[in-house]
Amino acid sequence: MLCAVLLSGILYKVIIFYRTNNAEQTESTDDEKQIFLKEHVYGTWKLEERVYTLKNTEMDFSDEGINALQNMTFYISPYQVSFLDKEYNLFQDPKDAYLFGMYGGYAQVFYPDYEVSDVLQTDLTENVRGYEQVTNIYSQCGYDEIFFHDMGVKKICDISYRENMYKGYYNPCYYGQLPDRFWVDMDHPDVLYLEFCGIWRLQRQDDILYDRGMEENSND
């Protein structure tokens, strides 16, 4: 009987130790993720250049549409992902406006739940495929294969997210699928790559987190 009591006590301590350590490890992992996102992802970004143009697509932005996009700002924070001031950037060509919407440019995503991948080498090896698939909604396959190594990017970290929908929360500003993948250039902390009808290189503008859309939404 005494042995059974002692054994139960030992097992209880082992379980408590495992649960405590596991919780601490999870908290540490979340903290590390937030530190990484704050350093490399959160902030306001300018669409500096489209470095990859989709192949075999039926529709693409005009030169005027490209210029309009380069005048926009893309915003990423713990609470919001969206293009800023898009209401003031009117496309002259209706096809540009349509394509912008089809790739989710008019959307606003609140409470994104981010996933951070391991850092990957972009060169082709036996263990790394070396390419990424990006959405091409007007192609037969529905995607293109792109090689970051060809763009001079040696190490990348893939960032994706899904939208957290809290109970009772309604987001009326959703048109299409907002771009939900970014790639961090690990050798250039102020450079980010965005999937949006091709691949864009983004340049960091500042580190201030406005959360403008969250403020507007909370006042409604």
N, C-alpha and C. Protein backbone atom coordinates (compact mmCIF):
# COMPACT_ATOMS: atom_id res chain seq x y z
N MET A 1 0.84 -1.21 0.00
CA MET A 1 0.00 0.00 0.00
C MET A 1 0.86 1.25 0.00
N LEU A 2 1.91 1.21 0.85
CA LEU A 2 2.81 2.36 0.93
C LEU A 2 3.52 2.58 -0.40
N CYS A 3 3.91 1.47 -1.04
CA CYS A 3 4.58 1.58 -2.36
C CYS A 3 3.66 2.21 -3.39
N ALA A 4 2.38 1.84 -3.34
CA ALA A 4 1.42 2.39 -4.30
C ALA A 4 1.26 3.89 -4.10
N VAL A 5 1.23 4.32 -2.82
CA VAL A 5 1.10 5.74 -2.53
C VAL A 5 2.32 6.50 -3.01
N LEU A 6 3.51 5.96 -2.71
CA LEU A 6 4.74 6.60 -3.15
C LEU A 6 4.81 6.69 -4.67
N LEU A 7 4.43 5.58 -5.35
CA LEU A 7 4.44 5.56 -6.81
C LEU A 7 3.48 6.59 -7.38
N SER A 8 2.29 6.71 -6.79
CA SER A 8 1.31 7.70 -7.26
C SER A 8 1.85 9.11 -7.10
N GLY A 9 2.53 9.35 -5.96
CA GLY A 9 3.11 10.67 -5.73
C GLY A 9 4.18 11.00 -6.74
N ILE A 10 5.01 10.02 -7.07
CA ILE A 10 6.07 10.24 -8.05
C ILE A 10 5.48 10.54 -9.42
N LEU A 11 4.47 9.74 -9.82
CA LEU A 11 3.83 9.95 -11.12
C LEU A 11 3.18 11.32 -11.19
N TYR A 12 2.57 11.76 -10.10
CA TYR A 12 1.92 13.07 -10.06
C TYR A 12 2.95 14.17 -10.27
N LYS A 13 4.10 14.05 -9.59
CA LYS A 13 5.15 15.05 -9.74
C LYS A 13 5.70 15.06 -11.15
N VAL A 14 5.83 13.88 -11.75
CA VAL A 14 6.33 13.80 -13.14
C VAL A 14 5.37 14.50 -14.09
N ILE A 15 4.07 14.26 -13.92
CA ILE A 15 3.06 14.88 -14.79
C ILE A 15 3.06 16.39 -14.64
N ILE A 16 3.12 16.86 -13.37
CA ILE A 16 3.14 18.31 -13.12
C ILE A 16 4.40 18.93 -13.72
N PHE A 17 5.54 18.25 -13.57
CA PHE A 17 6.81 18.74 -14.12
C PHE A 17 6.71 18.84 -15.64
N TYR A 18 6.16 17.81 -16.29
CA TYR A 18 6.03 17.81 -17.75
C TYR A 18 5.12 18.93 -18.22
N ARG A 19 3.96 19.09 -17.56
CA ARG A 19 3.00 20.12 -17.96
C ARG A 19 3.60 21.51 -17.77
N THR A 20 4.30 21.72 -16.66
CA THR A 20 4.90 23.03 -16.39
C THR A 20 5.96 23.36 -17.41
N ASN A 21 6.85 22.41 -17.68
CA ASN A 21 7.91 22.63 -18.65
C ASN A 21 7.36 22.85 -20.05
N ASN A 22 6.31 22.09 -20.38
CA ASN A 22 5.71 22.23 -21.72
C ASN A 22 5.08 23.59 -21.87
N ALA A 23 4.40 24.09 -20.82
CA ALA A 23 3.78 25.42 -20.86
C ALA A 23 4.84 26.49 -20.99
N GLU A 24 5.94 26.35 -20.24
CA GLU A 24 7.02 27.33 -20.32
C GLU A 24 7.65 27.34 -21.69
N GLN A 25 7.79 26.14 -22.29
CA GLN A 25 8.38 26.06 -23.63
C GLN A 25 7.46 26.72 -24.66
N THR A 26 6.14 26.49 -24.54
CA THR A 26 5.19 27.11 -25.46
C THR A 26 5.21 28.62 -25.35
N GLU A 27 5.24 29.12 -24.09
CA GLU A 27 5.28 30.56 -23.88
C GLU A 27 6.55 31.16 -24.46
N SER A 28 7.67 30.45 -24.25
CA SER A 28 8.95 30.92 -24.78
C SER A 28 8.92 30.95 -26.30
N THR A 29 8.31 29.90 -26.91
CA THR A 29 8.22 29.85 -28.37
C THR A 29 7.38 30.99 -28.90
N ASP A 30 6.26 31.28 -28.25
CA ASP A 30 5.40 32.38 -28.68
C ASP A 30 6.13 33.72 -28.54
N ASP A 31 6.85 33.87 -27.44
CA ASP A 31 7.61 35.11 -27.25
C ASP A 31 8.67 35.28 -28.34
N GLU A 32 9.36 34.19 -28.65
CA GLU A 32 10.38 34.25 -29.69
C GLU A 32 9.76 34.59 -31.04
N LYS A 33 8.58 34.04 -31.31
CA LYS A 33 7.90 34.34 -32.57
C LYS A 33 7.54 35.81 -32.65
N GLN A 34 7.01 36.36 -31.57
CA GLN A 34 6.63 37.77 -31.56
C GLN A 34 7.84 38.69 -31.72
N ILE A 35 8.95 38.32 -31.10
CA ILE A 35 10.17 39.10 -31.26
C ILE A 35 10.62 39.09 -32.71
N PHE A 36 10.56 37.92 -33.34
CA PHE A 36 10.96 37.80 -34.74
C PHE A 36 10.04 38.62 -35.64
N LEU A 37 8.72 38.51 -35.42
CA LEU A 37 7.77 39.25 -36.24
C LEU A 37 7.95 40.76 -36.07
N LYS A 38 8.18 41.20 -34.85
CA LYS A 38 8.37 42.63 -34.60
C LYS A 38 9.62 43.14 -35.30
N GLU A 39 10.66 42.32 -35.32
CA GLU A 39 11.92 42.74 -35.93
C GLU A 39 11.88 42.72 -37.45
N HIS A 40 11.18 41.73 -38.03
CA HIS A 40 11.28 41.51 -39.47
C HIS A 40 10.00 41.79 -40.25
N VAL A 41 8.84 41.79 -39.59
CA VAL A 41 7.58 41.80 -40.35
C VAL A 41 6.68 42.98 -40.00
N TYR A 42 6.46 43.27 -38.73
CA TYR A 42 5.53 44.32 -38.35
C TYR A 42 6.03 45.69 -38.82
N GLY A 43 5.08 46.52 -39.28
CA GLY A 43 5.40 47.88 -39.69
C GLY A 43 4.69 48.25 -40.97
N THR A 44 5.05 49.39 -41.54
CA THR A 44 4.49 49.84 -42.82
C THR A 44 5.54 49.65 -43.90
N TRP A 45 5.07 49.21 -45.06
CA TRP A 45 5.98 48.83 -46.14
C TRP A 45 5.51 49.44 -47.46
N LYS A 46 6.45 49.85 -48.28
CA LYS A 46 6.15 50.34 -49.63
C LYS A 46 6.43 49.25 -50.65
N LEU A 47 5.53 49.13 -51.63
CA LEU A 47 5.75 48.18 -52.71
C LEU A 47 6.77 48.78 -53.67
N GLU A 48 8.02 48.43 -53.47
CA GLU A 48 9.10 49.06 -54.21
C GLU A 48 9.16 48.60 -55.66
N GLU A 49 9.06 47.28 -55.87
CA GLU A 49 9.20 46.75 -57.23
C GLU A 49 8.58 45.37 -57.31
N ARG A 50 7.92 45.08 -58.44
CA ARG A 50 7.46 43.72 -58.66
C ARG A 50 8.60 42.94 -59.31
N VAL A 51 9.17 42.01 -58.55
CA VAL A 51 10.37 41.33 -59.00
C VAL A 51 10.06 40.04 -59.75
N TYR A 52 8.80 39.59 -59.68
CA TYR A 52 8.40 38.43 -60.48
C TYR A 52 7.01 38.68 -61.04
N THR A 53 6.90 38.58 -62.37
CA THR A 53 5.63 38.74 -63.07
C THR A 53 5.08 37.36 -63.41
N LEU A 54 3.81 37.14 -63.16
CA LEU A 54 3.19 35.85 -63.42
C LEU A 54 3.28 35.49 -64.91
N LYS A 55 3.43 34.20 -65.18
CA LYS A 55 3.53 33.69 -66.55
C LYS A 55 2.19 33.13 -67.00
N ASN A 56 1.97 33.18 -68.30
CA ASN A 56 0.78 32.56 -68.92
C ASN A 56 -0.51 32.94 -68.21
N THR A 57 -0.64 34.23 -67.90
CA THR A 57 -1.85 34.69 -67.25
C THR A 57 -2.67 35.53 -68.23
N GLU A 58 -3.98 35.45 -68.09
CA GLU A 58 -4.85 36.18 -69.01
C GLU A 58 -4.97 37.65 -68.66
N MET A 59 -4.69 38.00 -67.39
CA MET A 59 -4.83 39.39 -66.95
C MET A 59 -3.61 39.80 -66.15
N ASP A 60 -3.21 41.06 -66.32
CA ASP A 60 -2.11 41.60 -65.55
C ASP A 60 -2.31 43.10 -65.38
N PHE A 61 -1.63 43.68 -64.41
CA PHE A 61 -1.72 45.12 -64.19
C PHE A 61 -1.09 45.88 -65.36
N SER A 62 -1.70 47.00 -65.69
CA SER A 62 -1.11 47.90 -66.68
C SER A 62 0.05 48.64 -66.04
N ASP A 63 0.80 49.39 -66.86
CA ASP A 63 1.89 50.20 -66.31
C ASP A 63 1.35 51.22 -65.31
N GLU A 64 0.17 51.78 -65.61
CA GLU A 64 -0.44 52.75 -64.69
C GLU A 64 -0.84 52.06 -63.39
N GLY A 65 -1.32 50.80 -63.49
CA GLY A 65 -1.69 50.06 -62.30
C GLY A 65 -0.48 49.75 -61.42
N ILE A 66 0.65 49.42 -62.06
CA ILE A 66 1.88 49.17 -61.32
C ILE A 66 2.31 50.43 -60.58
N ASN A 67 2.23 51.57 -61.25
CA ASN A 67 2.60 52.84 -60.61
C ASN A 67 1.69 53.15 -59.42
N ALA A 68 0.38 52.86 -59.57
CA ALA A 68 -0.55 53.10 -58.47
C ALA A 68 -0.21 52.23 -57.26
N LEU A 69 0.14 50.98 -57.53
CA LEU A 69 0.50 50.07 -56.43
C LEU A 69 1.76 50.55 -55.72
N GLN A 70 2.69 51.09 -56.48
CA GLN A 70 3.94 51.55 -55.88
C GLN A 70 3.73 52.81 -55.02
N ASN A 71 2.57 53.44 -55.15
CA ASN A 71 2.23 54.59 -54.31
C ASN A 71 1.44 54.19 -53.07
N MET A 72 1.15 52.89 -52.95
CA MET A 72 0.40 52.41 -51.80
C MET A 72 1.34 51.92 -50.70
N THR A 73 0.78 51.79 -49.52
CA THR A 73 1.52 51.28 -48.36
C THR A 73 0.84 50.01 -47.87
N PHE A 74 1.66 49.01 -47.56
CA PHE A 74 1.12 47.76 -47.02
C PHE A 74 1.47 47.71 -45.53
N TYR A 75 0.48 47.34 -44.73
CA TYR A 75 0.62 47.43 -43.28
C TYR A 75 0.43 46.06 -42.63
N ILE A 76 1.36 45.72 -41.73
CA ILE A 76 1.31 44.43 -41.03
C ILE A 76 1.53 44.69 -39.54
N SER A 77 0.64 44.16 -38.71
CA SER A 77 0.78 44.34 -37.27
C SER A 77 0.23 43.09 -36.56
N PRO A 78 0.33 43.03 -35.23
CA PRO A 78 -0.27 41.89 -34.52
C PRO A 78 -1.78 41.84 -34.65
N TYR A 79 -2.42 42.94 -35.06
CA TYR A 79 -3.88 43.02 -35.06
C TYR A 79 -4.49 43.23 -36.44
N GLN A 80 -3.69 43.56 -37.42
CA GLN A 80 -4.28 43.95 -38.71
C GLN A 80 -3.28 43.72 -39.84
N VAL A 81 -3.83 43.35 -41.02
CA VAL A 81 -3.06 43.28 -42.26
C VAL A 81 -3.92 43.93 -43.34
N SER A 82 -3.38 44.93 -44.05
CA SER A 82 -4.16 45.57 -45.11
C SER A 82 -3.30 46.55 -45.89
N PHE A 83 -3.79 46.91 -47.09
CA PHE A 83 -3.26 48.07 -47.79
C PHE A 83 -3.83 49.32 -47.13
N LEU A 84 -2.99 50.33 -46.95
CA LEU A 84 -3.45 51.59 -46.37
C LEU A 84 -3.77 52.60 -47.47
N ASP A 85 -4.75 53.48 -47.19
CA ASP A 85 -5.09 54.60 -48.09
C ASP A 85 -5.48 54.14 -49.48
N LYS A 86 -5.98 52.92 -49.60
CA LYS A 86 -6.37 52.44 -50.92
C LYS A 86 -7.58 53.19 -51.47
N GLU A 87 -8.37 53.81 -50.57
CA GLU A 87 -9.53 54.55 -51.05
C GLU A 87 -9.11 55.82 -51.79
N TYR A 88 -7.87 56.28 -51.59
CA TYR A 88 -7.40 57.48 -52.25
C TYR A 88 -6.59 57.18 -53.51
N ASN A 89 -6.37 55.91 -53.78
CA ASN A 89 -5.59 55.52 -54.95
C ASN A 89 -6.53 54.88 -55.97
N LEU A 90 -7.16 55.69 -56.77
CA LEU A 90 -8.12 55.19 -57.75
C LEU A 90 -7.38 54.76 -59.01
N PHE A 91 -7.66 53.55 -59.46
CA PHE A 91 -7.07 53.05 -60.69
C PHE A 91 -7.78 53.69 -61.88
N GLN A 92 -7.02 54.14 -62.85
CA GLN A 92 -7.59 54.71 -64.05
C GLN A 92 -8.21 53.64 -64.94
N ASP A 93 -7.58 52.48 -64.98
CA ASP A 93 -8.06 51.37 -65.80
C ASP A 93 -8.93 50.45 -64.95
N PRO A 94 -10.19 50.22 -65.35
CA PRO A 94 -11.08 49.34 -64.57
C PRO A 94 -10.51 47.93 -64.39
N LYS A 95 -9.71 47.46 -65.37
CA LYS A 95 -9.11 46.13 -65.23
C LYS A 95 -8.14 46.08 -64.06
N ASP A 96 -7.43 47.19 -63.82
CA ASP A 96 -6.51 47.24 -62.69
C ASP A 96 -7.28 47.16 -61.37
N ALA A 97 -8.38 47.89 -61.30
CA ALA A 97 -9.21 47.87 -60.08
C ALA A 97 -9.79 46.48 -59.85
N TYR A 98 -10.23 45.85 -60.93
CA TYR A 98 -10.79 44.50 -60.84
C TYR A 98 -9.74 43.51 -60.37
N LEU A 99 -8.55 43.56 -60.97
CA LEU A 99 -7.48 42.63 -60.62
C LEU A 99 -7.01 42.85 -59.18
N PHE A 100 -6.96 44.11 -58.76
CA PHE A 100 -6.59 44.43 -57.38
C PHE A 100 -7.57 43.77 -56.41
N GLY A 101 -8.85 43.81 -56.74
CA GLY A 101 -9.86 43.17 -55.90
C GLY A 101 -9.79 41.66 -55.93
N MET A 102 -9.53 41.09 -57.11
CA MET A 102 -9.48 39.64 -57.24
C MET A 102 -8.35 39.04 -56.40
N TYR A 103 -7.27 39.77 -56.25
CA TYR A 103 -6.17 39.29 -55.40
C TYR A 103 -6.30 39.76 -53.96
N GLY A 104 -7.45 40.35 -53.62
CA GLY A 104 -7.75 40.65 -52.23
C GLY A 104 -7.28 42.00 -51.74
N GLY A 105 -6.98 42.93 -52.64
CA GLY A 105 -6.45 44.21 -52.23
C GLY A 105 -7.39 45.07 -51.42
N TYR A 106 -8.70 44.87 -51.59
CA TYR A 106 -9.67 45.70 -50.86
C TYR A 106 -9.99 45.13 -49.48
N ALA A 107 -9.42 44.00 -49.14
CA ALA A 107 -9.73 43.35 -47.87
C ALA A 107 -8.96 43.97 -46.72
N GLN A 108 -9.49 43.77 -45.52
CA GLN A 108 -8.78 44.07 -44.28
C GLN A 108 -8.91 42.85 -43.39
N VAL A 109 -7.80 42.37 -42.89
CA VAL A 109 -7.82 41.21 -42.01
C VAL A 109 -7.46 41.65 -40.60
N PHE A 110 -8.29 41.29 -39.64
CA PHE A 110 -8.06 41.63 -38.25
C PHE A 110 -7.70 40.36 -37.46
N TYR A 111 -6.89 40.53 -36.44
CA TYR A 111 -6.46 39.46 -35.56
C TYR A 111 -5.82 38.29 -36.30
N PRO A 112 -4.81 38.55 -37.12
CA PRO A 112 -4.15 37.45 -37.84
C PRO A 112 -3.38 36.54 -36.88
N ASP A 113 -3.43 35.26 -37.16
CA ASP A 113 -2.68 34.27 -36.39
C ASP A 113 -1.51 33.83 -37.26
N TYR A 114 -0.31 34.29 -36.93
CA TYR A 114 0.85 34.11 -37.79
C TYR A 114 1.53 32.76 -37.57
N GLU A 115 2.06 32.24 -38.67
CA GLU A 115 2.92 31.06 -38.63
C GLU A 115 4.28 31.45 -39.20
N VAL A 116 5.33 31.07 -38.50
CA VAL A 116 6.70 31.40 -38.92
C VAL A 116 7.44 30.11 -39.22
N SER A 117 7.96 29.97 -40.43
CA SER A 117 8.67 28.76 -40.81
C SER A 117 10.12 28.81 -40.34
N ASP A 118 10.81 27.72 -40.50
CA ASP A 118 12.25 27.72 -40.29
C ASP A 118 12.93 28.51 -41.41
N VAL A 119 14.10 29.02 -41.12
CA VAL A 119 14.87 29.72 -42.15
C VAL A 119 15.39 28.70 -43.15
N LEU A 120 15.19 28.99 -44.44
CA LEU A 120 15.57 28.06 -45.49
C LEU A 120 16.60 28.67 -46.42
N GLN A 121 17.51 27.84 -46.89
CA GLN A 121 18.43 28.24 -47.95
C GLN A 121 17.68 28.14 -49.27
N THR A 122 17.89 29.09 -50.16
CA THR A 122 17.12 29.11 -51.41
C THR A 122 17.80 28.38 -52.56
N ASP A 123 19.07 27.99 -52.38
CA ASP A 123 19.76 27.28 -53.46
C ASP A 123 19.27 25.84 -53.52
N LEU A 124 19.31 25.26 -54.70
CA LEU A 124 18.84 23.90 -54.89
C LEU A 124 19.83 22.91 -54.30
N THR A 125 19.35 22.06 -53.43
CA THR A 125 20.16 20.98 -52.87
C THR A 125 19.32 19.71 -52.89
N GLU A 126 19.90 18.63 -52.42
CA GLU A 126 19.16 17.37 -52.38
C GLU A 126 18.03 17.42 -51.35
N ASN A 127 18.17 18.28 -50.34
CA ASN A 127 17.19 18.32 -49.26
C ASN A 127 16.21 19.48 -49.37
N VAL A 128 16.47 20.44 -50.25
CA VAL A 128 15.63 21.62 -50.40
C VAL A 128 15.20 21.73 -51.85
N ARG A 129 13.90 21.90 -52.08
CA ARG A 129 13.41 21.96 -53.46
C ARG A 129 13.78 23.26 -54.14
N GLY A 130 13.97 24.33 -53.36
CA GLY A 130 14.49 25.58 -53.92
C GLY A 130 13.46 26.50 -54.52
N TYR A 131 12.19 26.08 -54.63
CA TYR A 131 11.19 26.95 -55.24
C TYR A 131 9.96 27.07 -54.36
N GLU A 132 9.16 28.11 -54.63
CA GLU A 132 7.90 28.33 -53.93
C GLU A 132 6.78 28.42 -54.96
N GLN A 133 5.57 28.06 -54.55
CA GLN A 133 4.40 28.18 -55.42
C GLN A 133 3.62 29.43 -55.04
N VAL A 134 3.34 30.27 -56.05
CA VAL A 134 2.58 31.50 -55.81
C VAL A 134 1.32 31.47 -56.68
N THR A 135 0.28 32.10 -56.17
CA THR A 135 -1.04 32.03 -56.80
C THR A 135 -1.07 32.74 -58.14
N ASN A 136 -1.61 32.05 -59.14
CA ASN A 136 -1.85 32.62 -60.47
C ASN A 136 -3.27 32.22 -60.85
N ILE A 137 -4.25 33.05 -60.46
CA ILE A 137 -5.65 32.65 -60.57
C ILE A 137 -6.14 32.58 -62.01
N TYR A 138 -5.39 33.15 -62.94
CA TYR A 138 -5.81 33.12 -64.34
C TYR A 138 -4.92 32.22 -65.19
N SER A 139 -4.25 31.26 -64.58
CA SER A 139 -3.47 30.28 -65.33
C SER A 139 -4.13 28.92 -65.23
N GLN A 140 -3.72 28.01 -66.08
CA GLN A 140 -4.32 26.68 -66.09
C GLN A 140 -4.00 25.92 -64.81
N CYS A 141 -2.79 26.08 -64.30
CA CYS A 141 -2.38 25.37 -63.08
C CYS A 141 -2.89 26.04 -61.82
N GLY A 142 -3.09 27.36 -61.89
CA GLY A 142 -3.51 28.09 -60.71
C GLY A 142 -2.37 28.59 -59.86
N TYR A 143 -1.14 28.30 -60.28
CA TYR A 143 0.02 28.78 -59.54
C TYR A 143 1.24 28.84 -60.47
N ASP A 144 2.24 29.58 -60.05
CA ASP A 144 3.56 29.61 -60.69
C ASP A 144 4.59 29.10 -59.70
N GLU A 145 5.69 28.59 -60.22
CA GLU A 145 6.82 28.21 -59.38
C GLU A 145 7.90 29.27 -59.51
N ILE A 146 8.32 29.83 -58.39
CA ILE A 146 9.32 30.90 -58.42
C ILE A 146 10.54 30.47 -57.60
N PHE A 147 11.70 31.01 -57.99
CA PHE A 147 12.97 30.68 -57.35
C PHE A 147 13.57 31.96 -56.76
N PHE A 148 13.57 32.05 -55.44
CA PHE A 148 14.13 33.23 -54.79
C PHE A 148 15.63 33.34 -55.02
N HIS A 149 16.29 32.21 -55.22
CA HIS A 149 17.73 32.25 -55.45
C HIS A 149 18.05 33.04 -56.71
N ASP A 150 17.18 32.94 -57.72
CA ASP A 150 17.37 33.70 -58.96
C ASP A 150 17.22 35.20 -58.75
N MET A 151 16.57 35.60 -57.66
CA MET A 151 16.39 37.02 -57.35
C MET A 151 17.51 37.55 -56.45
N GLY A 152 18.48 36.69 -56.14
CA GLY A 152 19.58 37.10 -55.29
C GLY A 152 19.31 36.95 -53.81
N VAL A 153 18.21 36.27 -53.44
CA VAL A 153 17.86 36.05 -52.04
C VAL A 153 18.43 34.69 -51.63
N LYS A 154 19.27 34.67 -50.60
CA LYS A 154 19.96 33.45 -50.21
C LYS A 154 19.28 32.71 -49.07
N LYS A 155 18.70 33.46 -48.13
CA LYS A 155 18.03 32.84 -46.99
C LYS A 155 16.68 33.51 -46.77
N ILE A 156 15.63 32.72 -46.67
CA ILE A 156 14.29 33.26 -46.49
C ILE A 156 13.59 32.59 -45.31
N CYS A 157 12.61 33.29 -44.79
CA CYS A 157 11.72 32.73 -43.78
C CYS A 157 10.29 32.99 -44.25
N ASP A 158 9.52 31.94 -44.39
CA ASP A 158 8.16 32.02 -44.91
C ASP A 158 7.21 32.39 -43.77
N ILE A 159 6.45 33.48 -43.96
CA ILE A 159 5.46 33.92 -42.98
C ILE A 159 4.07 33.79 -43.59
N SER A 160 3.19 33.11 -42.91
CA SER A 160 1.79 33.00 -43.36
C SER A 160 0.89 33.29 -42.17
N TYR A 161 -0.39 33.44 -42.43
CA TYR A 161 -1.32 33.69 -41.34
C TYR A 161 -2.72 33.23 -41.72
N ARG A 162 -3.53 33.07 -40.72
CA ARG A 162 -4.96 32.86 -40.92
C ARG A 162 -5.69 33.87 -40.05
N GLU A 163 -6.91 34.19 -40.41
CA GLU A 163 -7.66 35.20 -39.68
C GLU A 163 -8.38 34.57 -38.50
N ASN A 164 -8.18 35.12 -37.32
CA ASN A 164 -8.91 34.69 -36.14
C ASN A 164 -10.24 35.43 -36.07
N MET A 165 -11.34 34.70 -36.03
CA MET A 165 -12.66 35.31 -35.94
C MET A 165 -13.20 35.09 -34.53
N TYR A 166 -13.24 36.16 -33.74
CA TYR A 166 -13.75 36.06 -32.39
C TYR A 166 -15.28 35.99 -32.41
N LYS A 167 -15.84 35.36 -31.39
CA LYS A 167 -17.30 35.24 -31.30
C LYS A 167 -17.94 36.62 -31.24
N GLY A 168 -18.94 36.82 -32.09
CA GLY A 168 -19.62 38.10 -32.12
C GLY A 168 -18.93 39.16 -32.95
N TYR A 169 -17.77 38.81 -33.55
CA TYR A 169 -17.03 39.79 -34.34
C TYR A 169 -17.40 39.63 -35.81
N TYR A 170 -17.67 40.74 -36.46
CA TYR A 170 -18.03 40.72 -37.88
C TYR A 170 -17.12 41.66 -38.66
N ASN A 171 -16.54 41.16 -39.71
CA ASN A 171 -15.65 41.96 -40.54
C ASN A 171 -16.34 42.23 -41.88
N PRO A 172 -16.86 43.43 -42.10
CA PRO A 172 -17.60 43.71 -43.32
C PRO A 172 -16.71 44.09 -44.50
N CYS A 173 -15.40 44.22 -44.25
CA CYS A 173 -14.50 44.76 -45.28
C CYS A 173 -13.73 43.64 -45.95
N TYR A 174 -14.40 42.62 -46.43
CA TYR A 174 -13.68 41.51 -47.03
C TYR A 174 -14.13 41.30 -48.47
N TYR A 175 -13.20 41.45 -49.38
CA TYR A 175 -13.46 41.20 -50.79
C TYR A 175 -12.31 40.35 -51.31
N GLY A 176 -12.53 39.05 -51.48
CA GLY A 176 -11.48 38.19 -51.98
C GLY A 176 -10.50 37.80 -50.88
N GLN A 177 -9.43 37.12 -51.28
CA GLN A 177 -8.43 36.61 -50.36
C GLN A 177 -7.25 37.55 -50.29
N LEU A 178 -7.11 38.24 -49.17
CA LEU A 178 -5.98 39.14 -48.99
C LEU A 178 -4.69 38.32 -49.01
N PRO A 179 -3.62 38.87 -49.59
CA PRO A 179 -2.35 38.13 -49.61
C PRO A 179 -1.95 37.68 -48.21
N ASP A 180 -1.70 36.39 -48.06
CA ASP A 180 -1.43 35.85 -46.73
C ASP A 180 -0.06 35.19 -46.63
N ARG A 181 0.85 35.57 -47.54
CA ARG A 181 2.21 35.02 -47.46
C ARG A 181 3.22 36.13 -47.69
N PHE A 182 4.22 36.13 -46.81
CA PHE A 182 5.36 37.03 -46.95
C PHE A 182 6.63 36.20 -46.82
N TRP A 183 7.70 36.71 -47.36
CA TRP A 183 9.00 36.06 -47.19
C TRP A 183 9.99 37.09 -46.67
N VAL A 184 10.63 36.75 -45.57
CA VAL A 184 11.64 37.62 -44.98
C VAL A 184 12.98 37.33 -45.64
N ASP A 185 13.65 38.38 -46.12
CA ASP A 185 15.02 38.24 -46.60
C ASP A 185 15.93 38.35 -45.38
N MET A 186 16.48 37.23 -44.94
CA MET A 186 17.21 37.19 -43.68
C MET A 186 18.50 38.00 -43.71
N ASP A 187 19.01 38.30 -44.89
CA ASP A 187 20.23 39.11 -45.00
C ASP A 187 19.94 40.60 -45.08
N HIS A 188 18.65 40.97 -45.22
CA HIS A 188 18.27 42.38 -45.33
C HIS A 188 17.03 42.61 -44.48
N PRO A 189 17.18 43.06 -43.24
CA PRO A 189 16.06 43.15 -42.30
C PRO A 189 14.97 44.14 -42.69
N ASP A 190 15.27 45.08 -43.59
CA ASP A 190 14.26 46.06 -44.01
C ASP A 190 13.65 45.72 -45.36
N VAL A 191 13.79 44.47 -45.79
CA VAL A 191 13.24 44.01 -47.05
C VAL A 191 12.31 42.82 -46.79
N LEU A 192 11.13 42.88 -47.41
CA LEU A 192 10.15 41.81 -47.29
C LEU A 192 9.59 41.54 -48.67
N TYR A 193 9.25 40.29 -48.94
CA TYR A 193 8.64 39.93 -50.23
C TYR A 193 7.19 39.54 -50.01
N LEU A 194 6.33 40.02 -50.90
CA LEU A 194 4.88 39.84 -50.78
C LEU A 194 4.34 39.18 -52.03
N GLU A 195 3.47 38.19 -51.83
CA GLU A 195 2.76 37.58 -52.96
C GLU A 195 1.50 38.38 -53.26
N PHE A 196 1.46 39.02 -54.44
CA PHE A 196 0.28 39.77 -54.83
C PHE A 196 0.31 39.94 -56.36
N CYS A 197 -0.34 39.01 -57.05
CA CYS A 197 -0.29 38.97 -58.52
C CYS A 197 1.18 39.02 -58.96
N GLY A 198 1.94 38.06 -58.49
CA GLY A 198 3.37 38.03 -58.70
C GLY A 198 4.07 38.18 -57.36
N ILE A 199 5.33 38.55 -57.39
CA ILE A 199 6.10 38.77 -56.17
C ILE A 199 6.62 40.20 -56.16
N TRP A 200 6.35 40.89 -55.04
CA TRP A 200 6.80 42.26 -54.86
C TRP A 200 7.88 42.33 -53.79
N ARG A 201 8.88 43.17 -54.03
CA ARG A 201 9.84 43.49 -52.98
C ARG A 201 9.35 44.72 -52.24
N LEU A 202 9.23 44.60 -50.92
CA LEU A 202 8.74 45.67 -50.07
C LEU A 202 9.90 46.28 -49.28
N GLN A 203 9.87 47.59 -49.13
CA GLN A 203 10.88 48.30 -48.35
C GLN A 203 10.22 48.88 -47.11
N ARG A 204 10.83 48.65 -45.95
CA ARG A 204 10.26 49.14 -44.70
C ARG A 204 10.25 50.67 -44.66
N GLN A 205 9.14 51.24 -44.19
CA GLN A 205 9.01 52.69 -44.07
C GLN A 205 9.26 53.16 -42.64
N ASP A 206 8.68 52.48 -41.68
CA ASP A 206 8.90 52.79 -40.27
C ASP A 206 8.44 51.62 -39.44
N ASP A 207 8.63 51.72 -38.14
CA ASP A 207 8.27 50.64 -37.24
C ASP A 207 7.05 50.96 -36.39
N ILE A 208 6.36 52.07 -36.71
CA ILE A 208 5.20 52.47 -35.92
C ILE A 208 4.01 51.59 -36.27
N LEU A 209 3.33 51.08 -35.25
CA LEU A 209 2.15 50.24 -35.46
C LEU A 209 0.90 51.09 -35.26
N TYR A 210 0.25 51.44 -36.35
CA TYR A 210 -0.90 52.33 -36.27
C TYR A 210 -2.17 51.61 -35.86
N ASP A 211 -2.41 50.45 -36.45
CA ASP A 211 -3.66 49.72 -36.25
C ASP A 211 -4.85 50.62 -36.50
N ARG A 212 -4.77 51.37 -37.60
CA ARG A 212 -5.81 52.34 -37.96
C ARG A 212 -7.16 51.67 -38.14
N GLY A 213 -7.16 50.53 -38.85
CA GLY A 213 -8.41 49.85 -39.09
C GLY A 213 -9.06 49.34 -37.82
N MET A 214 -8.24 48.90 -36.86
CA MET A 214 -8.78 48.44 -35.59
C MET A 214 -9.45 49.58 -34.84
N GLU A 215 -8.83 50.78 -34.88
CA GLU A 215 -9.40 51.92 -34.19
C GLU A 215 -10.73 52.31 -34.82
N GLU A 216 -10.77 52.32 -36.17
CA GLU A 216 -12.01 52.67 -36.86
C GLU A 216 -13.08 51.66 -36.55
N ASN A 217 -12.71 50.36 -36.53
CA ASN A 217 -13.69 49.30 -36.29
C ASN A 217 -14.24 49.39 -34.87
N SER A 218 -13.39 49.74 -33.90
CA SER A 218 -13.85 49.78 -32.51
C SER A 218 -14.77 50.96 -32.25
N ASN A 219 -14.71 51.99 -33.12
CA ASN A 219 -15.56 53.17 -32.95
C ASN A 219 -16.93 53.02 -33.60
N ASP A 220 -17.08 51.96 -34.41
CA ASP A 220 -18.36 51.78 -35.11
C ASP A 220 -19.44 51.33 -34.12
